[in-house]
Amino acid sequence: MRVEEKILQAIKNYDTIMIHRHKRPDPDALGSQVGLAELLRNNFPNKKIYQVGGPVEGLEYLAQMDEIPDEWYQGALVIITDTANTPRISDERYLLGEKLIKIDHHPNDEPYGDLVWVNTKASSCSEMIADFWQIFSNELEMNGEAARLLYAGIVGDTGRFLYPATSAHTLKIAADLREYPFDATKLNRQLEQISLNVAQLSGFVYENLKVDANGAGQVILTQAVLQEIGVSDVDTSAIVSLPGMIEDVLAWAIFVEQPEGYYRVRMRSKGPVINELAKKYHGGGHPLASGANAKNMEEVQTLYQAIQDICKAHRLKK
């Protein structure tokens, strides 16, 4: 029996289903989590289905989380979407359920759960949930709200269909979702628009981007800079892709100082594989899009030097 069939069978077997995603959610985390929840509610109206996790951090237009007591987890099925490893799961109560399912598109470095469905070729976890619907289209019926959320997740994780993970299948899935009633123009505007403060942060990024001869880029955003511009760590997600628009930049990192003193590192690449480097710094992710952490400025410079070395090696291979 295929893992997708086992997952559907588990869904049918449980009356209560809790769906989690990762901390600091992006559109794909919420799209896959709540898109799955809405899909299941539409097809299993008698089941108790909840989306659980911490703050949605500026993505309230996509979805809100349910507030539920611990005891509701007793005998429940728990599904985690878009989360590669357990430390990143939002709300540790996922451990209170009876059965655990992992659905993800990141490299399967930590295959947690009783059932694991990982597809690293998928553009997004939202694409996988849409695949799940289509695999069982004779049993699962899509609706407008689930389609809106899954479409948002796909658009978010593909950079509006610009990133390498965008396949012909991705575009077909997106087209199929667009057949359902939701305002795609409004949704795309919500995903794209930024505040005036974030626009000013964008200017800072361009003005302070450091790029070496091999295309390794670096920007450091200190707490002082964030406070002066009037933005927070959450807002920095909107500017991560900006260095990639510059022709000479091959791979880059945005180092965001946290109130506790360490640096959150957002890493991107146009070619060199960076996720193995991210793993060495308490992170991970996709080959060309990863996250990590640097404990101090010394480690920031060590990590940036590693990115420089990776870019240099990549250039020499060509």
C-alpha atoms as a PDB file:
ATOM      1  CA  MET A   1       0.000   0.000   0.000  1.00  0.00           C
ATOM      2  CA  ARG A   2       1.359   3.427  -0.977  1.00  0.00           C
ATOM      3  CA  VAL A   3       2.065   5.878   1.828  1.00  0.00           C
ATOM      4  CA  GLU A   4      -0.610   8.225   0.466  1.00  0.00           C
ATOM      5  CA  GLU A   5      -3.162   5.426   0.812  1.00  0.00           C
ATOM      6  CA  LYS A   6      -2.001   4.757   4.374  1.00  0.00           C
ATOM      7  CA  ILE A   7      -2.403   8.443   5.186  1.00  0.00           C
ATOM      8  CA  LEU A   8      -5.948   8.553   3.798  1.00  0.00           C
ATOM      9  CA  GLN A   9      -6.812   5.413   5.733  1.00  0.00           C
ATOM     10  CA  ALA A  10      -5.456   6.973   8.940  1.00  0.00           C
ATOM     11  CA  ILE A  11      -7.537  10.098   8.308  1.00  0.00           C
ATOM     12  CA  LYS A  12     -10.632   7.930   7.908  1.00  0.00           C
ATOM     13  CA  ASN A  13      -9.835   6.010  11.102  1.00  0.00           C
ATOM     14  CA  TYR A  14      -9.626   9.012  13.449  1.00  0.00           C
ATOM     15  CA  ASP A  15     -12.419  11.276  14.632  1.00  0.00           C
ATOM     16  CA  THR A  16     -10.074  14.024  15.869  1.00  0.00           C
ATOM     17  CA  ILE A  17      -7.242  15.365  13.688  1.00  0.00           C
ATOM     18  CA  MET A  18      -4.684  17.991  14.725  1.00  0.00           C
ATOM     19  CA  ILE A  19      -2.627  19.618  11.960  1.00  0.00           C
ATOM     20  CA  HIS A  20       0.626  21.437  12.815  1.00  0.00           C
ATOM     21  CA  ARG A  21       3.348  23.248  10.809  1.00  0.00           C
ATOM     22  CA  HIS A  22       6.676  24.915  11.518  1.00  0.00           C
ATOM     23  CA  LYS A  23       7.453  27.933  13.657  1.00  0.00           C
ATOM     24  CA  ARG A  24       7.587  31.356  11.993  1.00  0.00           C
ATOM     25  CA  PRO A  25       5.299  30.196   9.202  1.00  0.00           C
ATOM     26  CA  ASP A  26       5.588  31.223   5.571  1.00  0.00           C
ATOM     27  CA  PRO A  27       2.749  30.952   3.027  1.00  0.00           C
ATOM     28  CA  ASP A  28       3.576  27.308   2.278  1.00  0.00           C
ATOM     29  CA  ALA A  29       3.514  26.326   5.944  1.00  0.00           C
ATOM     30  CA  LEU A  30       0.061  27.859   6.387  1.00  0.00           C
ATOM     31  CA  GLY A  31      -1.110  26.899   2.915  1.00  0.00           C
ATOM     32  CA  SER A  32      -0.329  23.219   3.382  1.00  0.00           C
ATOM     33  CA  GLN A  33      -1.477  23.086   7.007  1.00  0.00           C
ATOM     34  CA  VAL A  34      -4.787  24.905   6.721  1.00  0.00           C
ATOM     35  CA  GLY A  35      -5.319  23.907   3.102  1.00  0.00           C
ATOM     36  CA  LEU A  36      -5.261  20.285   4.258  1.00  0.00           C
ATOM     37  CA  ALA A  37      -7.533  21.139   7.184  1.00  0.00           C
ATOM     38  CA  GLU A  38     -10.084  22.807   4.886  1.00  0.00           C
ATOM     39  CA  LEU A  39      -9.907  19.943   2.395  1.00  0.00           C
ATOM     40  CA  LEU A  40     -10.613  17.422   5.148  1.00  0.00           C
ATOM     41  CA  ARG A  41     -13.389  19.516   6.698  1.00  0.00           C
ATOM     42  CA  ASN A  42     -15.045  19.708   3.306  1.00  0.00           C
ATOM     43  CA  ASN A  43     -15.017  15.931   2.934  1.00  0.00           C
ATOM     44  CA  PHE A  44     -15.344  14.720   6.515  1.00  0.00           C
ATOM     45  CA  PRO A  45     -17.802  17.163   8.126  1.00  0.00           C
ATOM     46  CA  ASN A  46     -18.349  14.927  11.162  1.00  0.00           C
ATOM     47  CA  LYS A  47     -14.694  14.865  12.159  1.00  0.00           C
ATOM     48  CA  LYS A  48     -13.097  17.353  14.568  1.00  0.00           C
ATOM     49  CA  ILE A  49     -10.221  18.949  12.629  1.00  0.00           C
ATOM     50  CA  TYR A  50      -8.015  21.675  14.076  1.00  0.00           C
ATOM     51  CA  GLN A  51      -5.079  23.775  12.844  1.00  0.00           C
ATOM     52  CA  VAL A  52      -2.635  24.319  15.684  1.00  0.00           C
ATOM     53  CA  GLY A  53       0.468  26.446  16.171  1.00  0.00           C
ATOM     54  CA  GLY A  54       1.916  29.736  17.329  1.00  0.00           C
ATOM     55  CA  PRO A  55       1.488  33.228  15.849  1.00  0.00           C
ATOM     56  CA  VAL A  56       1.038  33.481  12.079  1.00  0.00           C
ATOM     57  CA  GLU A  57       3.200  36.639  12.009  1.00  0.00           C
ATOM     58  CA  GLY A  58       1.724  38.941   9.393  1.00  0.00           C
ATOM     59  CA  LEU A  59      -0.084  36.224   7.429  1.00  0.00           C
ATOM     60  CA  GLU A  60      -3.433  36.610   9.167  1.00  0.00           C
ATOM     61  CA  TYR A  61      -5.101  37.118   5.784  1.00  0.00           C
ATOM     62  CA  LEU A  62      -4.345  33.457   5.060  1.00  0.00           C
ATOM     63  CA  ALA A  63      -5.504  31.769   8.248  1.00  0.00           C
ATOM     64  CA  GLN A  64      -5.821  31.824  12.023  1.00  0.00           C
ATOM     65  CA  MET A  65      -4.937  29.079  14.488  1.00  0.00           C
ATOM     66  CA  ASP A  66      -7.392  27.225  16.695  1.00  0.00           C
ATOM     67  CA  GLU A  67      -7.133  27.473  20.484  1.00  0.00           C
ATOM     68  CA  ILE A  68      -7.623  24.001  21.942  1.00  0.00           C
ATOM     69  CA  PRO A  69      -7.030  22.327  25.324  1.00  0.00           C
ATOM     70  CA  ASP A  70      -4.417  19.603  25.811  1.00  0.00           C
ATOM     71  CA  GLU A  71      -6.964  16.895  26.527  1.00  0.00           C
ATOM     72  CA  TRP A  72      -8.372  17.095  22.991  1.00  0.00           C
ATOM     73  CA  TYR A  73      -5.174  15.425  21.771  1.00  0.00           C
ATOM     74  CA  GLN A  74      -6.054  12.206  23.549  1.00  0.00           C
ATOM     75  CA  GLY A  75      -6.612   9.521  20.900  1.00  0.00           C
ATOM     76  CA  ALA A  76      -6.082  12.046  18.088  1.00  0.00           C
ATOM     77  CA  LEU A  77      -4.265  11.824  14.761  1.00  0.00           C
ATOM     78  CA  VAL A  78      -1.563  14.479  14.397  1.00  0.00           C
ATOM     79  CA  ILE A  79      -0.316  15.590  10.965  1.00  0.00           C
ATOM     80  CA  ILE A  80       2.743  17.837  10.557  1.00  0.00           C
ATOM     81  CA  THR A  81       3.190  19.658   7.248  1.00  0.00           C
ATOM     82  CA  ASP A  82       6.195  21.468   5.736  1.00  0.00           C
ATOM     83  CA  THR A  83       8.505  20.777   8.696  1.00  0.00           C
ATOM     84  CA  ALA A  84      11.754  18.873   8.226  1.00  0.00           C
ATOM     85  CA  ASN A  85      12.724  18.310  11.853  1.00  0.00           C
ATOM     86  CA  THR A  86      10.987  18.176  15.230  1.00  0.00           C
ATOM     87  CA  PRO A  87      12.635  21.240  16.856  1.00  0.00           C
ATOM     88  CA  ARG A  88      10.922  23.411  14.216  1.00  0.00           C
ATOM     89  CA  ILE A  89       7.403  22.100  14.858  1.00  0.00           C
ATOM     90  CA  SER A  90       5.173  24.846  16.243  1.00  0.00           C
ATOM     91  CA  ASP A  91       3.457  23.786  19.498  1.00  0.00           C
ATOM     92  CA  GLU A  92       5.054  20.803  21.216  1.00  0.00           C
ATOM     93  CA  ARG A  93       1.668  19.315  22.005  1.00  0.00           C
ATOM     94  CA  TYR A  94       1.971  17.397  18.751  1.00  0.00           C
ATOM     95  CA  LEU A  95       3.561  14.735  20.984  1.00  0.00           C
ATOM     96  CA  LEU A  96       0.262  14.221  22.828  1.00  0.00           C
ATOM     97  CA  GLY A  97      -1.537  12.541  19.921  1.00  0.00           C
ATOM     98  CA  GLU A  98      -1.917   8.814  19.307  1.00  0.00           C
ATOM     99  CA  LYS A  99      -0.531   8.652  15.747  1.00  0.00           C
ATOM    100  CA  LEU A 100       1.845  11.024  13.930  1.00  0.00           C
ATOM    101  CA  ILE A 101       2.173  11.701  10.191  1.00  0.00           C
ATOM    102  CA  LYS A 102       4.880  13.787   8.515  1.00  0.00           C
ATOM    103  CA  ILE A 103       4.155  15.393   5.111  1.00  0.00           C
ATOM    104  CA  ASP A 104       7.040  17.450   3.745  1.00  0.00           C
ATOM    105  CA  HIS A 105       9.088  18.431   0.696  1.00  0.00           C
ATOM    106  CA  HIS A 106      12.400  19.161   2.452  1.00  0.00           C
ATOM    107  CA  PRO A 107      15.245  16.608   2.562  1.00  0.00           C
ATOM    108  CA  ASN A 108      14.223  13.873   4.994  1.00  0.00           C
ATOM    109  CA  ASP A 109      17.060  14.308   7.481  1.00  0.00           C
ATOM    110  CA  GLU A 110      14.779  13.459  10.399  1.00  0.00           C
ATOM    111  CA  PRO A 111      12.116  10.919   9.382  1.00  0.00           C
ATOM    112  CA  TYR A 112       9.955  11.373  12.471  1.00  0.00           C
ATOM    113  CA  GLY A 113       6.427  10.005  12.776  1.00  0.00           C
ATOM    114  CA  ASP A 114       4.550   6.753  12.255  1.00  0.00           C
ATOM    115  CA  LEU A 115       3.957   7.571   8.590  1.00  0.00           C
ATOM    116  CA  VAL A 116       6.365   9.682   6.538  1.00  0.00           C
ATOM    117  CA  TRP A 117       5.548  11.119   3.112  1.00  0.00           C
ATOM    118  CA  VAL A 118       8.403  13.227   1.737  1.00  0.00           C
ATOM    119  CA  ASN A 119       8.732  14.386  -1.858  1.00  0.00           C
ATOM    120  CA  THR A 120      11.795  16.583  -2.380  1.00  0.00           C
ATOM    121  CA  LYS A 121      10.866  17.071  -6.032  1.00  0.00           C
ATOM    122  CA  ALA A 122       7.699  18.953  -5.104  1.00  0.00           C
ATOM    123  CA  SER A 123       7.888  22.722  -5.316  1.00  0.00           C
ATOM    124  CA  SER A 124       6.114  23.035  -1.992  1.00  0.00           C
ATOM    125  CA  CYS A 125       4.245  21.079   0.620  1.00  0.00           C
ATOM    126  CA  SER A 126       1.085  22.763  -0.665  1.00  0.00           C
ATOM    127  CA  GLU A 127       1.718  21.105  -4.025  1.00  0.00           C
ATOM    128  CA  MET A 128       1.883  17.750  -2.215  1.00  0.00           C
ATOM    129  CA  ILE A 129      -1.464  18.368  -0.498  1.00  0.00           C
ATOM    130  CA  ALA A 130      -2.953  19.230  -3.901  1.00  0.00           C
ATOM    131  CA  ASP A 131      -1.436  16.000  -5.247  1.00  0.00           C
ATOM    132  CA  PHE A 132      -3.095  14.150  -2.369  1.00  0.00           C
ATOM    133  CA  TRP A 133      -6.446  15.601  -3.414  1.00  0.00           C
ATOM    134  CA  GLN A 134      -5.932  14.599  -7.040  1.00  0.00           C
ATOM    135  CA  ILE A 135      -4.700  11.096  -6.219  1.00  0.00           C
ATOM    136  CA  PHE A 136      -7.971  10.519  -4.395  1.00  0.00           C
ATOM    137  CA  SER A 137     -10.172  12.793  -6.498  1.00  0.00           C
ATOM    138  CA  ASN A 138     -12.895  10.137  -6.470  1.00  0.00           C
ATOM    139  CA  GLU A 139     -13.065  10.495  -2.663  1.00  0.00           C
ATOM    140  CA  LEU A 140     -11.905  14.049  -1.948  1.00  0.00           C
ATOM    141  CA  GLU A 141     -13.644  17.138  -3.283  1.00  0.00           C
ATOM    142  CA  MET A 142     -11.826  20.477  -3.443  1.00  0.00           C
ATOM    143  CA  ASN A 143     -13.454  23.769  -2.463  1.00  0.00           C
ATOM    144  CA  GLY A 144     -12.589  27.437  -2.883  1.00  0.00           C
ATOM    145  CA  GLU A 145     -11.025  28.037   0.524  1.00  0.00           C
ATOM    146  CA  ALA A 146      -8.746  24.990   0.391  1.00  0.00           C
ATOM    147  CA  ALA A 147      -7.778  25.936  -3.173  1.00  0.00           C
ATOM    148  CA  ARG A 148      -6.959  29.516  -2.088  1.00  0.00           C
ATOM    149  CA  LEU A 149      -4.650  28.319   0.660  1.00  0.00           C
ATOM    150  CA  LEU A 150      -2.873  25.702  -1.446  1.00  0.00           C
ATOM    151  CA  TYR A 151      -2.428  28.161  -4.303  1.00  0.00           C
ATOM    152  CA  ALA A 152      -0.944  30.693  -1.864  1.00  0.00           C
ATOM    153  CA  GLY A 153       1.504  28.098  -0.595  1.00  0.00           C
ATOM    154  CA  ILE A 154       2.646  27.182  -4.087  1.00  0.00           C
ATOM    155  CA  VAL A 155       3.014  30.820  -5.154  1.00  0.00           C
ATOM    156  CA  GLY A 156       4.947  31.585  -1.983  1.00  0.00           C
ATOM    157  CA  ASP A 157       7.439  28.728  -2.161  1.00  0.00           C
ATOM    158  CA  THR A 158       8.078  29.067  -5.900  1.00  0.00           C
ATOM    159  CA  GLY A 159       8.676  32.822  -5.722  1.00  0.00           C
ATOM    160  CA  ARG A 160       5.681  33.306  -8.018  1.00  0.00           C
ATOM    161  CA  PHE A 161       6.828  30.398 -10.214  1.00  0.00           C
ATOM    162  CA  LEU A 162      10.365  31.761 -10.686  1.00  0.00           C
ATOM    163  CA  TYR A 163      12.381  29.283  -8.608  1.00  0.00           C
ATOM    164  CA  PRO A 164      13.992  26.117 -10.076  1.00  0.00           C
ATOM    165  CA  ALA A 165      11.620  23.795  -8.204  1.00  0.00           C
ATOM    166  CA  THR A 166       8.747  25.063 -10.376  1.00  0.00           C
ATOM    167  CA  SER A 167       7.904  22.214 -12.756  1.00  0.00           C
ATOM    168  CA  ALA A 168       5.330  21.666 -15.461  1.00  0.00           C
ATOM    169  CA  HIS A 169       3.429  19.661 -12.856  1.00  0.00           C
ATOM    170  CA  THR A 170       3.554  22.630 -10.463  1.00  0.00           C
ATOM    171  CA  LEU A 171       1.999  24.886 -13.088  1.00  0.00           C
ATOM    172  CA  LYS A 172      -0.684  22.320 -13.887  1.00  0.00           C
ATOM    173  CA  ILE A 173      -1.587  21.943 -10.202  1.00  0.00           C
ATOM    174  CA  ALA A 174      -1.791  25.728  -9.843  1.00  0.00           C
ATOM    175  CA  ALA A 175      -4.021  25.934 -12.909  1.00  0.00           C
ATOM    176  CA  ASP A 176      -6.282  23.218 -11.500  1.00  0.00           C
ATOM    177  CA  LEU A 177      -6.618  25.114  -8.212  1.00  0.00           C
ATOM    178  CA  ARG A 178      -7.497  28.296 -10.090  1.00  0.00           C
ATOM    179  CA  GLU A 179     -10.606  26.555 -11.378  1.00  0.00           C
ATOM    180  CA  TYR A 180     -12.116  26.982  -7.897  1.00  0.00           C
ATOM    181  CA  PRO A 181     -13.800  30.165  -6.624  1.00  0.00           C
ATOM    182  CA  PHE A 182     -11.342  32.456  -4.846  1.00  0.00           C
ATOM    183  CA  ASP A 183      -9.984  35.908  -5.624  1.00  0.00           C
ATOM    184  CA  ALA A 184      -6.523  35.132  -7.013  1.00  0.00           C
ATOM    185  CA  THR A 185      -5.842  38.783  -7.883  1.00  0.00           C
ATOM    186  CA  LYS A 186      -6.462  39.856  -4.294  1.00  0.00           C
ATOM    187  CA  LEU A 187      -4.430  36.943  -2.956  1.00  0.00           C
ATOM    188  CA  ASN A 188      -1.448  37.733  -5.195  1.00  0.00           C
ATOM    189  CA  ARG A 189      -1.595  41.354  -4.091  1.00  0.00           C
ATOM    190  CA  GLN A 190      -1.645  40.314  -0.433  1.00  0.00           C
ATOM    191  CA  LEU A 191       1.356  38.035  -0.982  1.00  0.00           C
ATOM    192  CA  GLU A 192       3.292  40.744  -2.822  1.00  0.00           C
ATOM    193  CA  GLN A 193       2.578  44.019  -1.056  1.00  0.00           C
ATOM    194  CA  ILE A 194       4.973  45.405   1.549  1.00  0.00           C
ATOM    195  CA  SER A 195       4.841  48.227   4.062  1.00  0.00           C
ATOM    196  CA  LEU A 196       6.707  51.503   3.676  1.00  0.00           C
ATOM    197  CA  ASN A 197       9.112  50.372   6.414  1.00  0.00           C
ATOM    198  CA  VAL A 198       9.921  47.161   4.562  1.00  0.00           C
ATOM    199  CA  ALA A 199      10.490  49.209   1.408  1.00  0.00           C
ATOM    200  CA  GLN A 200      13.015  51.272   3.372  1.00  0.00           C
ATOM    201  CA  LEU A 201      14.599  48.040   4.621  1.00  0.00           C
ATOM    202  CA  SER A 202      14.934  46.974   0.968  1.00  0.00           C
ATOM    203  CA  GLY A 203      16.874  50.153   0.294  1.00  0.00           C
ATOM    204  CA  PHE A 204      19.189  49.383   3.216  1.00  0.00           C
ATOM    205  CA  VAL A 205      19.811  45.882   1.854  1.00  0.00           C
ATOM    206  CA  TYR A 206      20.847  47.197  -1.562  1.00  0.00           C
ATOM    207  CA  GLU A 207      22.998  49.941  -0.082  1.00  0.00           C
ATOM    208  CA  ASN A 208      24.805  47.641   2.356  1.00  0.00           C
ATOM    209  CA  LEU A 209      25.101  44.420   0.355  1.00  0.00           C
ATOM    210  CA  LYS A 210      28.668  43.114   0.355  1.00  0.00           C
ATOM    211  CA  VAL A 211      29.615  40.932  -2.638  1.00  0.00           C
ATOM    212  CA  ASP A 212      32.988  39.301  -3.231  1.00  0.00           C
ATOM    213  CA  ALA A 213      34.656  38.501  -6.559  1.00  0.00           C
ATOM    214  CA  ASN A 214      32.998  35.076  -6.742  1.00  0.00           C
ATOM    215  CA  GLY A 215      29.466  36.305  -6.124  1.00  0.00           C
ATOM    216  CA  ALA A 216      29.119  35.576  -2.395  1.00  0.00           C
ATOM    217  CA  GLY A 217      26.779  38.152  -0.878  1.00  0.00           C
ATOM    218  CA  GLN A 218      26.247  39.259   2.700  1.00  0.00           C
ATOM    219  CA  VAL A 219      23.991  41.718   4.529  1.00  0.00           C
ATOM    220  CA  ILE A 220      23.987  42.166   8.306  1.00  0.00           C
ATOM    221  CA  LEU A 221      20.839  43.538   9.922  1.00  0.00           C
ATOM    222  CA  THR A 222      21.545  44.491  13.517  1.00  0.00           C
ATOM    223  CA  GLN A 223      18.897  45.177  16.133  1.00  0.00           C
ATOM    224  CA  ALA A 224      19.866  48.859  15.927  1.00  0.00           C
ATOM    225  CA  VAL A 225      19.168  48.911  12.181  1.00  0.00           C
ATOM    226  CA  LEU A 226      15.847  47.089  12.559  1.00  0.00           C
ATOM    227  CA  GLN A 227      14.727  49.475  15.304  1.00  0.00           C
ATOM    228  CA  GLU A 228      15.796  52.558  13.359  1.00  0.00           C
ATOM    229  CA  ILE A 229      13.810  51.469  10.288  1.00  0.00           C
ATOM    230  CA  GLY A 230      10.906  50.230  12.401  1.00  0.00           C
ATOM    231  CA  VAL A 231      10.816  46.572  11.363  1.00  0.00           C
ATOM    232  CA  SER A 232      11.184  43.207  13.089  1.00  0.00           C
ATOM    233  CA  ASP A 233      12.705  39.850  12.202  1.00  0.00           C
ATOM    234  CA  VAL A 234       9.375  38.776  10.717  1.00  0.00           C
ATOM    235  CA  ASP A 235       9.571  41.588   8.148  1.00  0.00           C
ATOM    236  CA  THR A 236      12.978  40.439   6.878  1.00  0.00           C
ATOM    237  CA  SER A 237      11.399  37.500   5.047  1.00  0.00           C
ATOM    238  CA  ALA A 238      10.211  39.982   2.404  1.00  0.00           C
ATOM    239  CA  ILE A 239      13.740  41.039   1.450  1.00  0.00           C
ATOM    240  CA  VAL A 240      15.577  37.702   1.362  1.00  0.00           C
ATOM    241  CA  SER A 241      15.337  37.328  -2.422  1.00  0.00           C
ATOM    242  CA  LEU A 242      16.516  40.863  -3.254  1.00  0.00           C
ATOM    243  CA  PRO A 243      20.270  40.146  -3.603  1.00  0.00           C
ATOM    244  CA  GLY A 244      19.437  37.436  -6.144  1.00  0.00           C
ATOM    245  CA  MET A 245      18.140  40.060  -8.535  1.00  0.00           C
ATOM    246  CA  ILE A 246      21.693  41.348  -8.945  1.00  0.00           C
ATOM    247  CA  GLU A 247      23.536  39.699 -11.819  1.00  0.00           C
ATOM    248  CA  ASP A 248      26.855  39.304 -10.005  1.00  0.00           C
ATOM    249  CA  VAL A 249      25.399  37.624  -6.902  1.00  0.00           C
ATOM    250  CA  LEU A 250      25.636  33.814  -6.890  1.00  0.00           C
ATOM    251  CA  ALA A 251      24.801  32.891  -3.280  1.00  0.00           C
ATOM    252  CA  TRP A 252      24.046  35.077  -0.292  1.00  0.00           C
ATOM    253  CA  ALA A 253      23.074  35.278   3.356  1.00  0.00           C
ATOM    254  CA  ILE A 254      21.010  37.780   5.320  1.00  0.00           C
ATOM    255  CA  PHE A 255      22.169  37.828   8.943  1.00  0.00           C
ATOM    256  CA  VAL A 256      19.429  39.124  11.239  1.00  0.00           C
ATOM    257  CA  GLU A 257      20.417  39.882  14.819  1.00  0.00           C
ATOM    258  CA  GLN A 258      17.904  38.618  17.362  1.00  0.00           C
ATOM    259  CA  PRO A 259      17.080  40.322  20.699  1.00  0.00           C
ATOM    260  CA  GLU A 260      18.893  37.461  22.464  1.00  0.00           C
ATOM    261  CA  GLY A 261      22.119  38.325  20.624  1.00  0.00           C
ATOM    262  CA  TYR A 262      22.436  35.494  18.116  1.00  0.00           C
ATOM    263  CA  TYR A 263      21.855  35.864  14.363  1.00  0.00           C
ATOM    264  CA  ARG A 264      19.158  34.226  12.313  1.00  0.00           C
ATOM    265  CA  VAL A 265      20.629  33.417   8.900  1.00  0.00           C
ATOM    266  CA  ARG A 266      18.540  33.353   5.727  1.00  0.00           C
ATOM    267  CA  MET A 267      20.552  31.742   2.906  1.00  0.00           C
ATOM    268  CA  ARG A 268      19.808  31.564  -0.813  1.00  0.00           C
ATOM    269  CA  SER A 269      21.695  30.416  -3.910  1.00  0.00           C
ATOM    270  CA  LYS A 270      21.494  30.429  -7.695  1.00  0.00           C
ATOM    271  CA  GLY A 271      23.606  27.302  -8.061  1.00  0.00           C
ATOM    272  CA  PRO A 272      25.958  26.286  -5.238  1.00  0.00           C
ATOM    273  CA  VAL A 273      24.379  23.832  -2.787  1.00  0.00           C
ATOM    274  CA  ILE A 274      24.015  25.520   0.616  1.00  0.00           C
ATOM    275  CA  ASN A 275      21.836  23.255   2.768  1.00  0.00           C
ATOM    276  CA  GLU A 276      24.749  21.089   3.928  1.00  0.00           C
ATOM    277  CA  LEU A 277      26.465  24.243   5.164  1.00  0.00           C
ATOM    278  CA  ALA A 278      23.263  25.315   6.908  1.00  0.00           C
ATOM    279  CA  LYS A 279      23.145  22.002   8.792  1.00  0.00           C
ATOM    280  CA  LYS A 280      26.530  22.799  10.338  1.00  0.00           C
ATOM    281  CA  TYR A 281      25.023  25.944  11.820  1.00  0.00           C
ATOM    282  CA  HIS A 282      21.900  24.504  13.473  1.00  0.00           C
ATOM    283  CA  GLY A 283      19.772  24.783  10.361  1.00  0.00           C
ATOM    284  CA  GLY A 284      18.929  23.151   7.071  1.00  0.00           C
ATOM    285  CA  GLY A 285      16.496  23.349   4.200  1.00  0.00           C
ATOM    286  CA  HIS A 286      16.607  23.032   0.440  1.00  0.00           C
ATOM    287  CA  PRO A 287      19.789  22.868  -1.669  1.00  0.00           C
ATOM    288  CA  LEU A 288      19.254  26.473  -2.848  1.00  0.00           C
ATOM    289  CA  ALA A 289      17.214  27.914   0.041  1.00  0.00           C
ATOM    290  CA  SER A 290      18.109  27.286   3.662  1.00  0.00           C
ATOM    291  CA  GLY A 291      18.172  28.788   7.114  1.00  0.00           C
ATOM    292  CA  ALA A 292      20.735  28.636   9.901  1.00  0.00           C
ATOM    293  CA  ASN A 293      21.868  30.346  13.106  1.00  0.00           C
ATOM    294  CA  ALA A 294      25.109  32.068  14.088  1.00  0.00           C
ATOM    295  CA  LYS A 295      25.763  32.552  17.798  1.00  0.00           C
ATOM    296  CA  ASN A 296      27.821  35.749  17.466  1.00  0.00           C
ATOM    297  CA  MET A 297      29.544  38.077  14.977  1.00  0.00           C
ATOM    298  CA  GLU A 298      32.606  35.834  14.841  1.00  0.00           C
ATOM    299  CA  GLU A 299      30.430  32.948  13.687  1.00  0.00           C
ATOM    300  CA  VAL A 300      28.680  35.257  11.195  1.00  0.00           C
ATOM    301  CA  GLN A 301      32.022  35.936   9.542  1.00  0.00           C
ATOM    302  CA  THR A 302      32.999  32.251   9.631  1.00  0.00           C
ATOM    303  CA  LEU A 303      29.736  31.299   7.934  1.00  0.00           C
ATOM    304  CA  TYR A 304      30.131  34.020   5.312  1.00  0.00           C
ATOM    305  CA  GLN A 305      33.662  32.801   4.600  1.00  0.00           C
ATOM    306  CA  ALA A 306      32.215  29.315   4.032  1.00  0.00           C
ATOM    307  CA  ILE A 307      29.728  30.776   1.525  1.00  0.00           C
ATOM    308  CA  GLN A 308      32.623  32.513  -0.212  1.00  0.00           C
ATOM    309  CA  ASP A 309      34.492  29.206  -0.422  1.00  0.00           C
ATOM    310  CA  ILE A 310      31.444  27.433  -1.836  1.00  0.00           C
ATOM    311  CA  CYS A 311      30.971  30.126  -4.492  1.00  0.00           C
ATOM    312  CA  LYS A 312      34.641  30.006  -5.428  1.00  0.00           C
ATOM    313  CA  ALA A 313      34.555  26.215  -5.807  1.00  0.00           C
ATOM    314  CA  HIS A 314      31.390  26.475  -7.902  1.00  0.00           C
ATOM    315  CA  ARG A 315      33.019  29.011 -10.232  1.00  0.00           C
ATOM    316  CA  LEU A 316      36.114  26.832 -10.660  1.00  0.00           C
ATOM    317  CA  LYS A 317      33.982  23.874 -11.796  1.00  0.00           C
ATOM    318  CA  LYS A 318      32.659  25.889 -14.721  1.00  0.00           C
END
